[in-house]
């Protein structure tokens, strides 16, 4: 079973005009990115588009600086 994790990015280099949420799957084999992406120019609007019922985890100091938060 894989745990879905949505990582929210602040204008990453591959999408410099947007806040981006990318769905990852975490399991025994590690984490892997999926092709599911959400884009928005407004961070709060992007957060409202994430699936209902998720819990927000603030970024870890070791995360890439463009990572804002993760939702599980």
PDB file of N, CA and C in Angstrom:
ATOM      1  N   UNK A   1       0.848  -1.187   0.000  1.00  0.00           N
ATOM      2  CA  UNK A   1       0.000   0.000   0.000  1.00  0.00           C
ATOM      3  C   UNK A   1       0.887   1.241   0.000  1.00  0.00           C
ATOM      4  N   UNK A   2       0.518   2.211  -0.793  1.00  0.00           N
ATOM      5  CA  UNK A   2       1.276   3.452  -0.883  1.00  0.00           C
ATOM      6  C   UNK A   2       0.508   4.596  -0.235  1.00  0.00           C
ATOM      7  N   UNK A   3       1.235   5.457   0.451  1.00  0.00           N
ATOM      8  CA  UNK A   3       0.669   6.632   1.092  1.00  0.00           C
ATOM      9  C   UNK A   3       0.786   7.812   0.132  1.00  0.00           C
ATOM     10  N   UNK A   4      -0.338   8.437  -0.261  1.00  0.00           N
ATOM     11  CA  UNK A   4      -0.241   9.617  -1.124  1.00  0.00           C
ATOM     12  C   UNK A   4       0.206  10.842  -0.317  1.00  0.00           C
ATOM     13  N   UNK A   5       1.123  11.587  -0.881  1.00  0.00           N
ATOM     14  CA  UNK A   5       1.641  12.815  -0.267  1.00  0.00           C
ATOM     15  C   UNK A   5       1.633  13.898  -1.347  1.00  0.00           C
ATOM     16  N   UNK A   6       1.020  15.023  -1.035  1.00  0.00           N
ATOM     17  CA  UNK A   6       1.029  16.165  -1.946  1.00  0.00           C
ATOM     18  C   UNK A   6       2.082  17.160  -1.452  1.00  0.00           C
ATOM     19  N   UNK A   7       3.069  17.433  -2.281  1.00  0.00           N
ATOM     20  CA  UNK A   7       4.107  18.400  -1.945  1.00  0.00           C
ATOM     21  C   UNK A   7       3.809  19.700  -2.688  1.00  0.00           C
ATOM     22  N   UNK A   8       3.808  20.803  -1.944  1.00  0.00           N
ATOM     23  CA  UNK A   8       3.501  22.114  -2.512  1.00  0.00           C
ATOM     24  C   UNK A   8       4.806  22.885  -2.700  1.00  0.00           C
ATOM     25  N   UNK A   9       5.003  23.404  -3.908  1.00  0.00           N
ATOM     26  CA  UNK A   9       6.227  24.100  -4.291  1.00  0.00           C
ATOM     27  C   UNK A   9       5.951  25.569  -4.593  1.00  0.00           C
ATOM     28  N   UNK A  10       6.904  26.415  -4.284  1.00  0.00           N
ATOM     29  CA  UNK A  10       6.843  27.842  -4.556  1.00  0.00           C
ATOM     30  C   UNK A  10       7.603  28.145  -5.838  1.00  0.00           C
ATOM     31  N   UNK A  11       6.873  28.222  -6.952  1.00  0.00           N
ATOM     32  CA  UNK A  11       7.444  28.574  -8.257  1.00  0.00           C
ATOM     33  C   UNK A  11       8.719  27.767  -8.585  1.00  0.00           C
ATOM     34  N   UNK A  12       8.587  26.437  -8.715  1.00  0.00           N
ATOM     35  CA  UNK A  12       9.762  25.617  -9.050  1.00  0.00           C
ATOM     36  C   UNK A  12      10.285  25.951 -10.452  1.00  0.00           C
ATOM     37  N   UNK A  13      11.511  25.586 -10.729  1.00  0.00           N
ATOM     38  CA  UNK A  13      12.142  25.953 -12.001  1.00  0.00           C
ATOM     39  C   UNK A  13      11.394  25.400 -13.213  1.00  0.00           C
ATOM     40  N   UNK A  14      10.737  24.244 -13.086  1.00  0.00           N
ATOM     41  CA  UNK A  14      10.020  23.705 -14.241  1.00  0.00           C
ATOM     42  C   UNK A  14       8.654  24.370 -14.453  1.00  0.00           C
ATOM     43  N   UNK A  15       8.150  25.107 -13.451  1.00  0.00           N
ATOM     44  CA  UNK A  15       6.888  25.857 -13.556  1.00  0.00           C
ATOM     45  C   UNK A  15       7.059  27.197 -12.836  1.00  0.00           C
ATOM     46  N   UNK A  16       7.888  28.091 -13.370  1.00  0.00           N
ATOM     47  CA  UNK A  16       8.270  29.312 -12.639  1.00  0.00           C
ATOM     48  C   UNK A  16       7.152  30.331 -12.422  1.00  0.00           C
ATOM     49  N   UNK A  17       6.019  30.175 -13.102  1.00  0.00           N
ATOM     50  CA  UNK A  17       4.934  31.143 -12.970  1.00  0.00           C
ATOM     51  C   UNK A  17       3.845  30.720 -11.991  1.00  0.00           C
ATOM     52  N   UNK A  18       4.043  29.567 -11.346  1.00  0.00           N
ATOM     53  CA  UNK A  18       2.964  28.999 -10.530  1.00  0.00           C
ATOM     54  C   UNK A  18       3.451  28.436  -9.197  1.00  0.00           C
ATOM     55  N   UNK A  19       2.501  28.356  -8.269  1.00  0.00           N
ATOM     56  CA  UNK A  19       2.640  27.457  -7.134  1.00  0.00           C
ATOM     57  C   UNK A  19       2.185  26.099  -7.676  1.00  0.00           C
ATOM     58  N   UNK A  20       2.852  25.040  -7.287  1.00  0.00           N
ATOM     59  CA  UNK A  20       2.563  23.717  -7.833  1.00  0.00           C
ATOM     60  C   UNK A  20       2.404  22.716  -6.692  1.00  0.00           C
ATOM     61  N   UNK A  21       1.420  21.839  -6.820  1.00  0.00           N
ATOM     62  CA  UNK A  21       1.273  20.709  -5.911  1.00  0.00           C
ATOM     63  C   UNK A  21       1.474  19.446  -6.740  1.00  0.00           C
ATOM     64  N   UNK A  22       2.382  18.597  -6.302  1.00  0.00           N
ATOM     65  CA  UNK A  22       2.672  17.344  -7.014  1.00  0.00           C
ATOM     66  C   UNK A  22       2.374  16.181  -6.084  1.00  0.00           C
ATOM     67  N   UNK A  23       1.659  15.197  -6.601  1.00  0.00           N
ATOM     68  CA  UNK A  23       1.335  14.010  -5.808  1.00  0.00           C
ATOM     69  C   UNK A  23       2.486  13.015  -5.885  1.00  0.00           C
ATOM     70  N   UNK A  24       2.913  12.549  -4.729  1.00  0.00           N
ATOM     71  CA  UNK A  24       3.932  11.513  -4.583  1.00  0.00           C
ATOM     72  C   UNK A  24       3.281  10.310  -3.922  1.00  0.00           C
ATOM     73  N   UNK A  25       3.852   9.135  -4.121  1.00  0.00           N
ATOM     74  CA  UNK A  25       3.425   7.933  -3.428  1.00  0.00           C
ATOM     75  C   UNK A  25       4.600   7.393  -2.629  1.00  0.00           C
ATOM     76  N   UNK A  26       4.384   7.172  -1.343  1.00  0.00           N
ATOM     77  CA  UNK A  26       5.433   6.648  -0.462  1.00  0.00           C
ATOM     78  C   UNK A  26       5.059   5.235  -0.043  1.00  0.00           C
ATOM     79  N   UNK A  27       6.014   4.335  -0.157  1.00  0.00           N
ATOM     80  CA  UNK A  27       5.787   2.943   0.209  1.00  0.00           C
ATOM     81  C   UNK A  27       7.074   2.285   0.649  1.00  0.00           C
ATOM     82  N   UNK A  28       7.043   0.981   0.749  1.00  0.00           N
ATOM     83  CA  UNK A  28       8.224   0.231   1.192  1.00  0.00           C
ATOM     84  C   UNK A  28       9.433   0.460   0.292  1.00  0.00           C
ATOM     85  N   UNK A  29       9.180   0.687  -0.989  1.00  0.00           N
ATOM     86  CA  UNK A  29      10.274   0.876  -1.951  1.00  0.00           C
ATOM     87  C   UNK A  29      10.794   2.300  -1.971  1.00  0.00           C
ATOM     88  N   UNK A  30      10.181   3.188  -1.209  1.00  0.00           N
ATOM     89  CA  UNK A  30      10.583   4.593  -1.196  1.00  0.00           C
ATOM     90  C   UNK A  30       9.482   5.467  -1.754  1.00  0.00           C
ATOM     91  N   UNK A  31       9.852   6.665  -2.177  1.00  0.00           N
ATOM     92  CA  UNK A  31       8.889   7.620  -2.717  1.00  0.00           C
ATOM     93  C   UNK A  31       9.065   7.743  -4.220  1.00  0.00           C
ATOM     94  N   UNK A  32       7.930   7.955  -4.906  1.00  0.00           N
ATOM     95  CA  UNK A  32       8.007   8.200  -6.348  1.00  0.00           C
ATOM     96  C   UNK A  32       6.969   9.242  -6.728  1.00  0.00           C
ATOM     97  N   UNK A  33       7.369  10.113  -7.630  1.00  0.00           N
ATOM     98  CA  UNK A  33       6.475  11.157  -8.112  1.00  0.00           C
ATOM     99  C   UNK A  33       5.452  10.541  -9.059  1.00  0.00           C
ATOM    100  N   UNK A  34       4.252  11.093  -9.053  1.00  0.00           N
ATOM    101  CA  UNK A  34       3.232  10.695 -10.021  1.00  0.00           C
ATOM    102  C   UNK A  34       3.121  11.804 -11.067  1.00  0.00           C
ATOM    103  N   UNK A  35       2.266  11.592 -12.045  1.00  0.00           N
ATOM    104  CA  UNK A  35       2.060  12.629 -13.066  1.00  0.00           C
ATOM    105  C   UNK A  35       0.915  13.563 -12.690  1.00  0.00           C
ATOM    106  N   UNK A  36       0.410  13.460 -11.450  1.00  0.00           N
ATOM    107  CA  UNK A  36      -0.678  14.327 -10.998  1.00  0.00           C
ATOM    108  C   UNK A  36      -0.119  15.631 -10.440  1.00  0.00           C
ATOM    109  N   UNK A  37      -0.496  16.736 -11.089  1.00  0.00           N
ATOM    110  CA  UNK A  37      -0.040  18.069 -10.702  1.00  0.00           C
ATOM    111  C   UNK A  37      -1.224  19.018 -10.636  1.00  0.00           C
ATOM    112  N   UNK A  38      -1.147  19.964  -9.712  1.00  0.00           N
ATOM    113  CA  UNK A  38      -2.096  21.076  -9.644  1.00  0.00           C
ATOM    114  C   UNK A  38      -1.280  22.360  -9.732  1.00  0.00           C
ATOM    115  N   UNK A  39      -1.800  23.359 -10.438  1.00  0.00           N
ATOM    116  CA  UNK A  39      -1.115  24.643 -10.616  1.00  0.00           C
ATOM    117  C   UNK A  39      -2.049  25.766 -10.226  1.00  0.00           C
ATOM    118  N   UNK A  40      -1.490  26.840  -9.694  1.00  0.00           N
ATOM    119  CA  UNK A  40      -2.277  28.050  -9.460  1.00  0.00           C
ATOM    120  C   UNK A  40      -1.323  29.205  -9.211  1.00  0.00           C
ATOM    121  N   UNK A  41      -1.760  30.412  -9.520  1.00  0.00           N
ATOM    122  CA  UNK A  41      -0.953  31.600  -9.233  1.00  0.00           C
ATOM    123  C   UNK A  41      -1.169  32.064  -7.799  1.00  0.00           C
ATOM    124  N   UNK A  42      -2.206  31.532  -7.138  1.00  0.00           N
ATOM    125  CA  UNK A  42      -2.540  31.905  -5.767  1.00  0.00           C
ATOM    126  C   UNK A  42      -2.366  30.684  -4.857  1.00  0.00           C
ATOM    127  N   UNK A  43      -1.533  30.813  -3.831  1.00  0.00           N
ATOM    128  CA  UNK A  43      -1.235  29.684  -2.952  1.00  0.00           C
ATOM    129  C   UNK A  43      -2.471  29.183  -2.219  1.00  0.00           C
ATOM    130  N   UNK A  44      -3.278  30.083  -1.682  1.00  0.00           N
ATOM    131  CA  UNK A  44      -4.477  29.650  -0.959  1.00  0.00           C
ATOM    132  C   UNK A  44      -5.473  28.945  -1.883  1.00  0.00           C
ATOM    133  N   UNK A  45      -5.586  29.419  -3.106  1.00  0.00           N
ATOM    134  CA  UNK A  45      -6.470  28.758  -4.076  1.00  0.00           C
ATOM    135  C   UNK A  45      -5.969  27.355  -4.389  1.00  0.00           C
ATOM    136  N   UNK A  46      -4.666  27.200  -4.512  1.00  0.00           N
ATOM    137  CA  UNK A  46      -4.088  25.878  -4.758  1.00  0.00           C
ATOM    138  C   UNK A  46      -4.386  24.944  -3.588  1.00  0.00           C
ATOM    139  N   UNK A  47      -4.206  25.430  -2.385  1.00  0.00           N
ATOM    140  CA  UNK A  47      -4.485  24.601  -1.203  1.00  0.00           C
ATOM    141  C   UNK A  47      -5.940  24.144  -1.183  1.00  0.00           C
ATOM    142  N   UNK A  48      -6.859  24.994  -1.597  1.00  0.00           N
ATOM    143  CA  UNK A  48      -8.281  24.626  -1.615  1.00  0.00           C
ATOM    144  C   UNK A  48      -8.569  23.531  -2.640  1.00  0.00           C
ATOM    145  N   UNK A  49      -7.724  23.368  -3.608  1.00  0.00           N
ATOM    146  CA  UNK A  49      -7.918  22.347  -4.647  1.00  0.00           C
ATOM    147  C   UNK A  49      -7.361  20.982  -4.251  1.00  0.00           C
ATOM    148  N   UNK A  50      -6.625  20.912  -3.160  1.00  0.00           N
ATOM    149  CA  UNK A  50      -6.108  19.624  -2.688  1.00  0.00           C
ATOM    150  C   UNK A  50      -7.260  18.771  -2.168  1.00  0.00           C
ATOM    151  N   UNK A  51      -7.098  17.451  -2.172  1.00  0.00           N
ATOM    152  CA  UNK A  51      -8.159  16.588  -1.663  1.00  0.00           C
ATOM    153  C   UNK A  51      -8.537  16.937  -0.217  1.00  0.00           C
ATOM    154  N   UNK A  52      -9.802  16.817   0.094  1.00  0.00           N
ATOM    155  CA  UNK A  52     -10.317  17.104   1.435  1.00  0.00           C
ATOM    156  C   UNK A  52      -9.811  16.055   2.422  1.00  0.00           C
ATOM    157  N   UNK A  53      -9.546  16.500   3.655  1.00  0.00           N
ATOM    158  CA  UNK A  53      -9.188  15.576   4.728  1.00  0.00           C
ATOM    159  C   UNK A  53      -7.702  15.373   4.936  1.00  0.00           C
ATOM    160  N   UNK A  54      -6.868  16.109   4.220  1.00  0.00           N
ATOM    161  CA  UNK A  54      -5.422  15.953   4.375  1.00  0.00           C
ATOM    162  C   UNK A  54      -4.918  16.784   5.549  1.00  0.00           C
ATOM    163  N   UNK A  55      -3.752  16.393   6.064  1.00  0.00           N
ATOM    164  CA  UNK A  55      -3.092  17.080   7.171  1.00  0.00           C
ATOM    165  C   UNK A  55      -1.847  17.763   6.624  1.00  0.00           C
ATOM    166  N   UNK A  56      -1.658  19.028   6.976  1.00  0.00           N
ATOM    167  CA  UNK A  56      -0.507  19.801   6.492  1.00  0.00           C
ATOM    168  C   UNK A  56       0.696  19.598   7.393  1.00  0.00           C
ATOM    169  N   UNK A  57       1.820  19.253   6.775  1.00  0.00           N
ATOM    170  CA  UNK A  57       3.095  19.143   7.479  1.00  0.00           C
ATOM    171  C   UNK A  57       4.008  20.256   6.967  1.00  0.00           C
ATOM    172  N   UNK A  58       4.517  21.120   7.868  1.00  0.00           N
ATOM    173  CA  UNK A  58       5.405  22.193   7.408  1.00  0.00           C
ATOM    174  C   UNK A  58       6.702  21.619   6.830  1.00  0.00           C
ATOM    175  N   UNK A  59       7.356  22.421   6.027  1.00  0.00           N
ATOM    176  CA  UNK A  59       8.599  21.967   5.398  1.00  0.00           C
ATOM    177  C   UNK A  59       9.665  21.680   6.457  1.00  0.00           C
ATOM    178  N   UNK A  60      10.504  20.740   6.139  1.00  0.00           N
ATOM    179  CA  UNK A  60      11.641  20.404   6.976  1.00  0.00           C
ATOM    180  C   UNK A  60      12.799  21.303   6.558  1.00  0.00           C
ATOM    181  N   UNK A  61      13.620  21.716   7.488  1.00  0.00           N
ATOM    182  CA  UNK A  61      14.750  22.605   7.154  1.00  0.00           C
ATOM    183  C   UNK A  61      15.694  21.983   6.136  1.00  0.00           C
ATOM    184  N   UNK A  62      15.669  20.666   5.975  1.00  0.00           N
ATOM    185  CA  UNK A  62      16.530  19.984   5.007  1.00  0.00           C
ATOM    186  C   UNK A  62      15.893  19.885   3.614  1.00  0.00           C
ATOM    187  N   UNK A  63      14.614  20.272   3.501  1.00  0.00           N
ATOM    188  CA  UNK A  63      13.932  20.226   2.207  1.00  0.00           C
ATOM    189  C   UNK A  63      14.508  21.263   1.249  1.00  0.00           C
ATOM    190  N   UNK A  64      14.297  21.031  -0.023  1.00  0.00           N
ATOM    191  CA  UNK A  64      14.648  22.005  -1.040  1.00  0.00           C
ATOM    192  C   UNK A  64      13.934  23.319  -0.706  1.00  0.00           C
ATOM    193  N   UNK A  65      14.590  24.455  -0.879  1.00  0.00           N
ATOM    194  CA  UNK A  65      13.978  25.743  -0.518  1.00  0.00           C
ATOM    195  C   UNK A  65      12.657  26.054  -1.219  1.00  0.00           C
ATOM    196  N   UNK A  66      12.371  25.458  -2.377  1.00  0.00           N
ATOM    197  CA  UNK A  66      11.108  25.741  -3.059  1.00  0.00           C
ATOM    198  C   UNK A  66       9.930  24.967  -2.466  1.00  0.00           C
ATOM    199  N   UNK A  67      10.190  24.009  -1.592  1.00  0.00           N
ATOM    200  CA  UNK A  67       9.109  23.262  -0.953  1.00  0.00           C
ATOM    201  C   UNK A  67       8.509  24.113   0.159  1.00  0.00           C
ATOM    202  N   UNK A  68       7.193  24.294   0.090  1.00  0.00           N
ATOM    203  CA  UNK A  68       6.481  25.064   1.111  1.00  0.00           C
ATOM    204  C   UNK A  68       5.988  24.150   2.224  1.00  0.00           C
ATOM    205  N   UNK A  69       5.374  23.011   1.823  1.00  0.00           N
ATOM    206  CA  UNK A  69       4.739  22.113   2.784  1.00  0.00           C
ATOM    207  C   UNK A  69       4.370  20.815   2.076  1.00  0.00           C
ATOM    208  N   UNK A  70       3.972  19.835   2.879  1.00  0.00           N
ATOM    209  CA  UNK A  70       3.455  18.577   2.344  1.00  0.00           C
ATOM    210  C   UNK A  70       2.121  18.282   3.015  1.00  0.00           C
ATOM    211  N   UNK A  71       1.240  17.637   2.288  1.00  0.00           N
ATOM    212  CA  UNK A  71      -0.089  17.266   2.797  1.00  0.00           C
ATOM    213  C   UNK A  71      -0.225  15.756   2.706  1.00  0.00           C
ATOM    214  N   UNK A  72      -0.588  15.135   3.834  1.00  0.00           N
ATOM    215  CA  UNK A  72      -0.791  13.678   3.873  1.00  0.00           C
ATOM    216  C   UNK A  72      -2.177  13.359   4.400  1.00  0.00           C
TER     217      UNK A  72
END
